[in-house]
Amino acid sequence: MLILVVEDEPLVAFAMEWTLKSAGHQVMGPADSVDDAIALCRHSRPDLALIDLNLRDGGDGVEVARYLQGRHEIPALFLSAQVAHARANRHLACGLVRKPYDSALLPQIVEFVSKVARDKWPAAVPHGMEIFSTCNG
């Protein structure tokens, strides 16, 4: 899968990128701002976006999710400690992984979202992931 990573903490972004690439995925970014994320999507269409909500320069990852859903119908997954903010915008993402999380779980989470997007619900939700009703489109 081609996965857009939207994360402004360099070490977290590096761990995400490394883990996803090690699992065989391609990674776009990481983008650390709303503008950078949208610019990346103008050149390529990701299969999934992993989005932090609190971005550089006061940016809000919800704006990225809104753009991706409105323009491309790309599924988004929020990765954030801002649980209330994520839940308030649940219509824009298929779920939430609360920070801090174990980056080693990202391949399992990505596989879960990929299956759900194809309407093939796995038996179990990955540890630490909250599913929103929009997860299967």
N, C-alpha and C. Protein backbone atom coordinates (compact mmCIF):
# COMPACT_ATOMS: atom_id res chain seq x y z
N MET A 1 0.84 -1.19 0.00
CA MET A 1 0.00 0.00 0.00
C MET A 1 0.88 1.25 0.00
N LEU A 2 0.36 2.32 -0.57
CA LEU A 2 1.00 3.62 -0.51
C LEU A 2 0.34 4.38 0.63
N ILE A 3 1.12 4.70 1.65
CA ILE A 3 0.58 5.29 2.87
C ILE A 3 1.15 6.69 3.09
N LEU A 4 0.26 7.65 3.27
CA LEU A 4 0.64 9.01 3.61
C LEU A 4 0.81 9.10 5.12
N VAL A 5 1.98 9.56 5.55
CA VAL A 5 2.25 9.78 6.97
C VAL A 5 2.24 11.28 7.23
N VAL A 6 1.36 11.70 8.12
CA VAL A 6 1.25 13.11 8.50
C VAL A 6 1.56 13.19 10.00
N GLU A 7 2.78 13.58 10.30
CA GLU A 7 3.28 13.59 11.68
C GLU A 7 4.37 14.64 11.80
N ASP A 8 4.28 15.52 12.80
CA ASP A 8 5.26 16.60 12.93
C ASP A 8 6.38 16.30 13.94
N GLU A 9 6.32 15.22 14.65
CA GLU A 9 7.40 14.85 15.57
C GLU A 9 8.38 13.98 14.79
N PRO A 10 9.59 14.48 14.51
CA PRO A 10 10.53 13.76 13.65
C PRO A 10 10.83 12.31 14.06
N LEU A 11 11.02 12.05 15.33
CA LEU A 11 11.33 10.68 15.76
C LEU A 11 10.14 9.74 15.57
N VAL A 12 8.96 10.24 15.86
CA VAL A 12 7.75 9.44 15.67
C VAL A 12 7.55 9.17 14.18
N ALA A 13 7.73 10.20 13.36
CA ALA A 13 7.57 10.05 11.91
C ALA A 13 8.58 9.05 11.36
N PHE A 14 9.83 9.13 11.83
CA PHE A 14 10.86 8.20 11.38
C PHE A 14 10.50 6.76 11.75
N ALA A 15 10.05 6.55 12.98
CA ALA A 15 9.66 5.20 13.42
C ALA A 15 8.50 4.66 12.59
N MET A 16 7.53 5.52 12.29
CA MET A 16 6.39 5.10 11.47
C MET A 16 6.87 4.71 10.08
N GLU A 17 7.68 5.57 9.48
CA GLU A 17 8.17 5.32 8.13
C GLU A 17 8.98 4.03 8.06
N TRP A 18 9.88 3.85 9.00
CA TRP A 18 10.72 2.66 9.02
C TRP A 18 9.89 1.39 9.19
N THR A 19 8.94 1.43 10.13
CA THR A 19 8.10 0.26 10.39
C THR A 19 7.25 -0.09 9.18
N LEU A 20 6.66 0.90 8.55
CA LEU A 20 5.81 0.65 7.39
C LEU A 20 6.61 0.14 6.20
N LYS A 21 7.77 0.73 5.96
CA LYS A 21 8.62 0.27 4.85
C LYS A 21 9.13 -1.15 5.12
N SER A 22 9.46 -1.45 6.36
CA SER A 22 9.91 -2.80 6.71
C SER A 22 8.82 -3.83 6.48
N ALA A 23 7.57 -3.41 6.55
CA ALA A 23 6.43 -4.30 6.32
C ALA A 23 6.06 -4.38 4.84
N GLY A 24 6.83 -3.68 3.98
CA GLY A 24 6.60 -3.76 2.54
C GLY A 24 5.74 -2.67 1.95
N HIS A 25 5.41 -1.67 2.73
CA HIS A 25 4.57 -0.58 2.23
C HIS A 25 5.44 0.54 1.68
N GLN A 26 4.86 1.36 0.82
CA GLN A 26 5.50 2.58 0.35
C GLN A 26 4.97 3.72 1.21
N VAL A 27 5.83 4.70 1.48
CA VAL A 27 5.44 5.80 2.36
C VAL A 27 5.58 7.12 1.62
N MET A 28 4.53 7.92 1.71
CA MET A 28 4.56 9.31 1.24
C MET A 28 4.81 10.17 2.45
N GLY A 29 5.77 11.08 2.35
CA GLY A 29 6.08 11.96 3.46
C GLY A 29 7.27 11.42 4.24
N PRO A 30 7.31 11.71 5.49
CA PRO A 30 6.25 12.29 6.29
C PRO A 30 6.05 13.78 6.02
N ALA A 31 4.80 14.19 6.13
CA ALA A 31 4.43 15.60 6.04
C ALA A 31 4.24 16.10 7.47
N ASP A 32 4.75 17.29 7.75
CA ASP A 32 4.62 17.80 9.11
C ASP A 32 3.63 18.96 9.23
N SER A 33 2.94 19.25 8.15
CA SER A 33 1.94 20.34 8.17
C SER A 33 0.80 20.00 7.21
N VAL A 34 -0.28 20.72 7.35
CA VAL A 34 -1.44 20.53 6.47
C VAL A 34 -1.05 20.80 5.02
N ASP A 35 -0.35 21.90 4.79
CA ASP A 35 0.03 22.27 3.43
C ASP A 35 0.94 21.22 2.79
N ASP A 36 1.91 20.71 3.55
CA ASP A 36 2.81 19.68 3.02
C ASP A 36 2.04 18.41 2.66
N ALA A 37 1.10 18.01 3.50
CA ALA A 37 0.33 16.80 3.24
C ALA A 37 -0.52 16.95 1.98
N ILE A 38 -1.18 18.07 1.83
CA ILE A 38 -2.02 18.31 0.65
C ILE A 38 -1.16 18.39 -0.60
N ALA A 39 0.00 19.02 -0.50
CA ALA A 39 0.91 19.10 -1.66
C ALA A 39 1.35 17.71 -2.11
N LEU A 40 1.64 16.83 -1.18
CA LEU A 40 2.04 15.47 -1.54
C LEU A 40 0.92 14.74 -2.28
N CYS A 41 -0.31 14.98 -1.88
CA CYS A 41 -1.46 14.29 -2.48
C CYS A 41 -1.82 14.84 -3.86
N ARG A 42 -1.28 15.97 -4.21
CA ARG A 42 -1.51 16.51 -5.55
C ARG A 42 -0.69 15.74 -6.59
N HIS A 43 0.37 15.08 -6.13
CA HIS A 43 1.26 14.36 -7.04
C HIS A 43 0.98 12.85 -7.08
N SER A 44 0.52 12.30 -5.97
CA SER A 44 0.22 10.87 -5.88
C SER A 44 -0.99 10.68 -5.00
N ARG A 45 -1.70 9.60 -5.23
CA ARG A 45 -2.90 9.30 -4.45
C ARG A 45 -2.59 8.14 -3.50
N PRO A 46 -2.52 8.42 -2.19
CA PRO A 46 -2.25 7.32 -1.25
C PRO A 46 -3.46 6.40 -1.10
N ASP A 47 -3.18 5.20 -0.63
CA ASP A 47 -4.26 4.24 -0.34
C ASP A 47 -4.83 4.46 1.06
N LEU A 48 -4.02 5.05 1.92
CA LEU A 48 -4.39 5.27 3.32
C LEU A 48 -3.56 6.43 3.85
N ALA A 49 -4.15 7.20 4.78
CA ALA A 49 -3.41 8.28 5.45
C ALA A 49 -3.43 8.04 6.95
N LEU A 50 -2.25 8.11 7.55
CA LEU A 50 -2.11 8.05 9.00
C LEU A 50 -1.82 9.46 9.47
N ILE A 51 -2.74 10.04 10.24
CA ILE A 51 -2.72 11.48 10.48
C ILE A 51 -2.70 11.82 11.97
N ASP A 52 -1.66 12.56 12.37
CA ASP A 52 -1.63 13.17 13.69
C ASP A 52 -2.54 14.39 13.64
N LEU A 53 -3.19 14.71 14.72
CA LEU A 53 -4.12 15.85 14.71
C LEU A 53 -3.43 17.18 15.01
N ASN A 54 -2.43 17.17 15.86
CA ASN A 54 -1.75 18.39 16.25
C ASN A 54 -0.47 18.52 15.44
N LEU A 55 -0.48 19.41 14.44
CA LEU A 55 0.64 19.53 13.51
C LEU A 55 1.41 20.84 13.70
N ARG A 56 2.52 20.94 12.99
CA ARG A 56 3.40 22.10 13.04
C ARG A 56 2.61 23.39 12.74
N ASP A 57 3.05 24.45 13.34
CA ASP A 57 2.47 25.78 13.12
C ASP A 57 0.98 25.85 13.44
N GLY A 58 0.54 25.05 14.39
CA GLY A 58 -0.86 25.08 14.80
C GLY A 58 -1.82 24.39 13.84
N GLY A 59 -1.27 23.65 12.87
CA GLY A 59 -2.12 22.95 11.91
C GLY A 59 -2.92 21.83 12.55
N ASP A 60 -4.03 21.52 11.95
CA ASP A 60 -4.93 20.49 12.45
C ASP A 60 -5.08 19.39 11.41
N GLY A 61 -4.71 18.17 11.80
CA GLY A 61 -4.81 17.04 10.90
C GLY A 61 -6.21 16.78 10.38
N VAL A 62 -7.22 17.29 11.07
CA VAL A 62 -8.60 17.15 10.61
C VAL A 62 -8.74 17.78 9.23
N GLU A 63 -8.03 18.88 8.97
CA GLU A 63 -8.08 19.53 7.66
C GLU A 63 -7.56 18.59 6.57
N VAL A 64 -6.52 17.84 6.88
CA VAL A 64 -5.98 16.88 5.92
C VAL A 64 -7.00 15.78 5.65
N ALA A 65 -7.60 15.25 6.70
CA ALA A 65 -8.61 14.20 6.53
C ALA A 65 -9.80 14.70 5.72
N ARG A 66 -10.22 15.92 5.97
CA ARG A 66 -11.35 16.52 5.23
C ARG A 66 -11.00 16.64 3.75
N TYR A 67 -9.80 17.09 3.44
CA TYR A 67 -9.34 17.21 2.05
C TYR A 67 -9.31 15.83 1.38
N LEU A 68 -8.74 14.85 2.05
CA LEU A 68 -8.61 13.52 1.45
C LEU A 68 -9.96 12.86 1.21
N GLN A 69 -10.87 13.04 2.15
CA GLN A 69 -12.20 12.45 1.99
C GLN A 69 -12.98 13.17 0.90
N GLY A 70 -12.91 14.48 0.89
CA GLY A 70 -13.69 15.27 -0.07
C GLY A 70 -13.20 15.17 -1.49
N ARG A 71 -11.89 15.11 -1.67
CA ARG A 71 -11.31 15.10 -3.02
C ARG A 71 -11.07 13.70 -3.57
N HIS A 72 -10.66 12.80 -2.71
CA HIS A 72 -10.18 11.51 -3.20
C HIS A 72 -10.82 10.28 -2.56
N GLU A 73 -11.65 10.48 -1.53
CA GLU A 73 -12.25 9.37 -0.79
C GLU A 73 -11.18 8.42 -0.27
N ILE A 74 -10.07 8.98 0.22
CA ILE A 74 -8.98 8.20 0.78
C ILE A 74 -9.25 7.98 2.26
N PRO A 75 -9.19 6.73 2.73
CA PRO A 75 -9.41 6.49 4.16
C PRO A 75 -8.30 7.10 5.01
N ALA A 76 -8.69 7.64 6.15
CA ALA A 76 -7.74 8.23 7.08
C ALA A 76 -7.88 7.53 8.43
N LEU A 77 -6.78 7.51 9.15
CA LEU A 77 -6.76 6.98 10.50
C LEU A 77 -6.05 8.02 11.36
N PHE A 78 -6.70 8.47 12.42
CA PHE A 78 -6.09 9.44 13.31
C PHE A 78 -5.16 8.71 14.28
N LEU A 79 -3.97 9.27 14.49
CA LEU A 79 -3.02 8.80 15.49
C LEU A 79 -2.77 9.98 16.41
N SER A 80 -3.39 10.00 17.58
CA SER A 80 -3.38 11.20 18.39
C SER A 80 -3.72 10.92 19.84
N ALA A 81 -3.23 11.77 20.72
CA ALA A 81 -3.63 11.74 22.12
C ALA A 81 -4.88 12.60 22.34
N GLN A 82 -5.29 13.33 21.33
CA GLN A 82 -6.47 14.20 21.41
C GLN A 82 -7.74 13.40 21.09
N VAL A 83 -8.11 12.57 22.02
CA VAL A 83 -9.22 11.63 21.81
C VAL A 83 -10.54 12.36 21.55
N ALA A 84 -10.85 13.36 22.33
CA ALA A 84 -12.13 14.07 22.15
C ALA A 84 -12.19 14.75 20.79
N HIS A 85 -11.09 15.34 20.37
CA HIS A 85 -11.05 16.01 19.06
C HIS A 85 -11.21 14.99 17.93
N ALA A 86 -10.55 13.86 18.07
CA ALA A 86 -10.67 12.80 17.05
C ALA A 86 -12.11 12.29 16.98
N ARG A 87 -12.70 12.04 18.13
CA ARG A 87 -14.08 11.53 18.14
C ARG A 87 -15.07 12.56 17.60
N ALA A 88 -14.81 13.83 17.84
CA ALA A 88 -15.69 14.88 17.32
C ALA A 88 -15.64 14.95 15.80
N ASN A 89 -14.57 14.41 15.22
CA ASN A 89 -14.39 14.42 13.76
C ASN A 89 -14.39 13.01 13.19
N ARG A 90 -15.06 12.12 13.85
CA ARG A 90 -15.10 10.70 13.47
C ARG A 90 -15.66 10.47 12.07
N HIS A 91 -16.43 11.41 11.58
CA HIS A 91 -17.00 11.28 10.23
C HIS A 91 -15.93 11.41 9.14
N LEU A 92 -14.71 11.83 9.52
CA LEU A 92 -13.63 12.04 8.55
C LEU A 92 -12.57 10.94 8.57
N ALA A 93 -12.70 9.99 9.48
CA ALA A 93 -11.68 8.95 9.61
C ALA A 93 -12.33 7.62 9.94
N CYS A 94 -11.58 6.57 9.70
CA CYS A 94 -12.13 5.25 10.01
C CYS A 94 -11.81 4.81 11.43
N GLY A 95 -10.94 5.54 12.11
CA GLY A 95 -10.66 5.18 13.48
C GLY A 95 -9.58 6.02 14.11
N LEU A 96 -9.20 5.61 15.29
CA LEU A 96 -8.23 6.32 16.10
C LEU A 96 -7.28 5.33 16.76
N VAL A 97 -6.00 5.64 16.71
CA VAL A 97 -5.00 4.94 17.50
C VAL A 97 -4.47 5.99 18.47
N ARG A 98 -4.64 5.72 19.76
CA ARG A 98 -4.24 6.69 20.78
C ARG A 98 -2.74 6.71 20.97
N LYS A 99 -2.20 7.92 21.05
CA LYS A 99 -0.79 8.08 21.40
C LYS A 99 -0.67 8.07 22.92
N PRO A 100 0.38 7.53 23.46
CA PRO A 100 1.46 6.83 22.77
C PRO A 100 1.00 5.43 22.36
N TYR A 101 1.56 4.92 21.30
CA TYR A 101 1.24 3.59 20.81
C TYR A 101 2.54 2.89 20.43
N ASP A 102 2.46 1.60 20.24
CA ASP A 102 3.61 0.80 19.85
C ASP A 102 3.68 0.80 18.33
N SER A 103 4.71 1.43 17.76
CA SER A 103 4.80 1.53 16.30
C SER A 103 4.91 0.16 15.64
N ALA A 104 5.32 -0.85 16.39
CA ALA A 104 5.40 -2.20 15.83
C ALA A 104 4.01 -2.73 15.45
N LEU A 105 2.97 -2.13 16.00
CA LEU A 105 1.59 -2.55 15.68
C LEU A 105 1.07 -1.93 14.38
N LEU A 106 1.79 -0.96 13.82
CA LEU A 106 1.29 -0.28 12.61
C LEU A 106 1.00 -1.22 11.45
N PRO A 107 1.86 -2.18 11.13
CA PRO A 107 1.52 -3.08 10.01
C PRO A 107 0.20 -3.83 10.24
N GLN A 108 -0.03 -4.28 11.45
CA GLN A 108 -1.28 -4.97 11.78
C GLN A 108 -2.47 -4.02 11.64
N ILE A 109 -2.32 -2.78 12.08
CA ILE A 109 -3.39 -1.79 11.98
C ILE A 109 -3.67 -1.45 10.52
N VAL A 110 -2.63 -1.27 9.73
CA VAL A 110 -2.80 -0.97 8.31
C VAL A 110 -3.50 -2.13 7.60
N GLU A 111 -3.12 -3.35 7.91
CA GLU A 111 -3.76 -4.52 7.31
C GLU A 111 -5.24 -4.58 7.68
N PHE A 112 -5.55 -4.28 8.93
CA PHE A 112 -6.94 -4.27 9.38
C PHE A 112 -7.75 -3.26 8.58
N VAL A 113 -7.24 -2.02 8.48
CA VAL A 113 -7.96 -0.97 7.74
C VAL A 113 -8.11 -1.35 6.27
N SER A 114 -7.09 -1.95 5.70
CA SER A 114 -7.15 -2.38 4.31
C SER A 114 -8.25 -3.41 4.09
N LYS A 115 -8.36 -4.36 4.98
CA LYS A 115 -9.41 -5.38 4.86
C LYS A 115 -10.80 -4.78 5.04
N VAL A 116 -10.93 -3.90 6.02
CA VAL A 116 -12.23 -3.28 6.27
C VAL A 116 -12.66 -2.44 5.07
N ALA A 117 -11.70 -1.75 4.45
CA ALA A 117 -12.01 -0.94 3.27
C ALA A 117 -12.54 -1.81 2.13
N ARG A 118 -12.12 -3.07 2.11
CA ARG A 118 -12.62 -4.02 1.10
C ARG A 118 -13.83 -4.80 1.62
N ASP A 119 -14.40 -4.34 2.77
CA ASP A 119 -15.57 -4.95 3.40
C ASP A 119 -15.32 -6.40 3.83
N LYS A 120 -14.10 -6.68 4.29
CA LYS A 120 -13.72 -8.00 4.80
C LYS A 120 -13.28 -7.83 6.25
N TRP A 121 -14.23 -7.72 7.15
CA TRP A 121 -13.94 -7.43 8.54
C TRP A 121 -13.18 -8.58 9.20
N PRO A 122 -11.98 -8.30 9.73
CA PRO A 122 -11.23 -9.31 10.49
C PRO A 122 -11.96 -9.63 11.79
N ALA A 123 -11.57 -10.72 12.41
CA ALA A 123 -12.22 -11.18 13.64
C ALA A 123 -11.96 -10.25 14.82
N ALA A 124 -10.78 -9.61 14.84
CA ALA A 124 -10.43 -8.79 16.00
C ALA A 124 -9.87 -7.44 15.57
N VAL A 125 -10.16 -6.44 16.37
CA VAL A 125 -9.62 -5.10 16.17
C VAL A 125 -8.23 -5.07 16.81
N PRO A 126 -7.24 -4.50 16.12
CA PRO A 126 -5.90 -4.44 16.71
C PRO A 126 -5.89 -3.69 18.04
N HIS A 127 -4.99 -4.10 18.90
CA HIS A 127 -4.85 -3.49 20.22
C HIS A 127 -4.62 -1.98 20.11
N GLY A 128 -5.36 -1.22 20.88
CA GLY A 128 -5.17 0.22 20.93
C GLY A 128 -5.89 1.00 19.85
N MET A 129 -6.66 0.32 19.01
CA MET A 129 -7.36 1.00 17.92
C MET A 129 -8.85 1.09 18.23
N GLU A 130 -9.41 2.27 18.00
CA GLU A 130 -10.85 2.49 18.14
C GLU A 130 -11.42 2.68 16.74
N ILE A 131 -12.45 1.92 16.41
CA ILE A 131 -13.06 1.98 15.09
C ILE A 131 -14.21 3.00 15.10
N PHE A 132 -14.26 3.81 14.04
CA PHE A 132 -15.38 4.73 13.85
C PHE A 132 -16.30 4.11 12.80
N SER A 133 -17.56 4.51 12.78
CA SER A 133 -18.55 3.91 11.88
C SER A 133 -18.23 4.13 10.40
N THR A 134 -17.42 5.14 10.09
CA THR A 134 -17.09 5.42 8.68
C THR A 134 -15.95 4.54 8.16
N CYS A 135 -15.50 3.59 8.96
CA CYS A 135 -14.33 2.79 8.60
C CYS A 135 -14.50 2.03 7.30
N ASN A 136 -15.68 1.63 6.98
CA ASN A 136 -15.87 0.90 5.72
C ASN A 136 -16.54 1.76 4.65
N GLY A 137 -16.38 3.05 4.80
CA GLY A 137 -16.88 3.96 3.79
C GLY A 137 -18.33 4.23 3.95
